[in-house]
């Protein structure tokens, strides 16, 4: 009887000291808010990154809005992927100053093809892709999952308004100050190379279980912008 009581007390004690439930992607749905800044400069706008899980897989959204005089910036990227982070659909719309555009890419894995549609009455085209191709937004989220297990994704082809070659390189740690607090982050540089353009993005990941992106440095026509997490 005494042994039973001791066992029950030990069990209750173990439960009281159990680790807290993990939150954020890829453990739960997530909604992150960001401040959109010029590097070392003032706040220009806002951004957001969301993830929602369903029986079919994941839905992701990344948006940024900066009503800057003479050069407004409004970007929205959405993606749908299965549980293995294989792309099903990718959409991007943008406004950079007076330049506007948008397109949608739908993946047919059974035929290994993607149908690309230019939005607002544009045309369609189709091209072949490898199996389990990811789009650029899904690649960001997949990178978080992989880094949580001590890995960086290998080079691969991704969708980003056409097919791009993506290479991710871990470049070491970098200290950042957010909300008056200095944090040690892991820096990954992602290079996207397409037939006519090349884009390089720097991402500073927190060392939490969710590998939260604390800072994302993005190139735009008028210069570099940074999305900085608002806690």
Foldseek 3Di string as FASTA:
>chain_A
DVVVVVVVVVVVVCVVPDDDQDDDPPRAKDKFKWFKFDVVGDTFWIKMWTWHADQQAIKIKIWIWGPDPQWTWTKIKIFDAGNVQQTAKIKIWIGTRPDTWIKMWGADLVVQKIWIATPDPGDIDMDGFDHSAHAPSSLVQVQLVVVLVVDGDAWDWHDDPDIWIKHKDWDAWDWDADPNDIAIWTKIWIWTGDPPDIWIKIFTFGPDSRRHTQKIWGADPVGIMMIGTDD
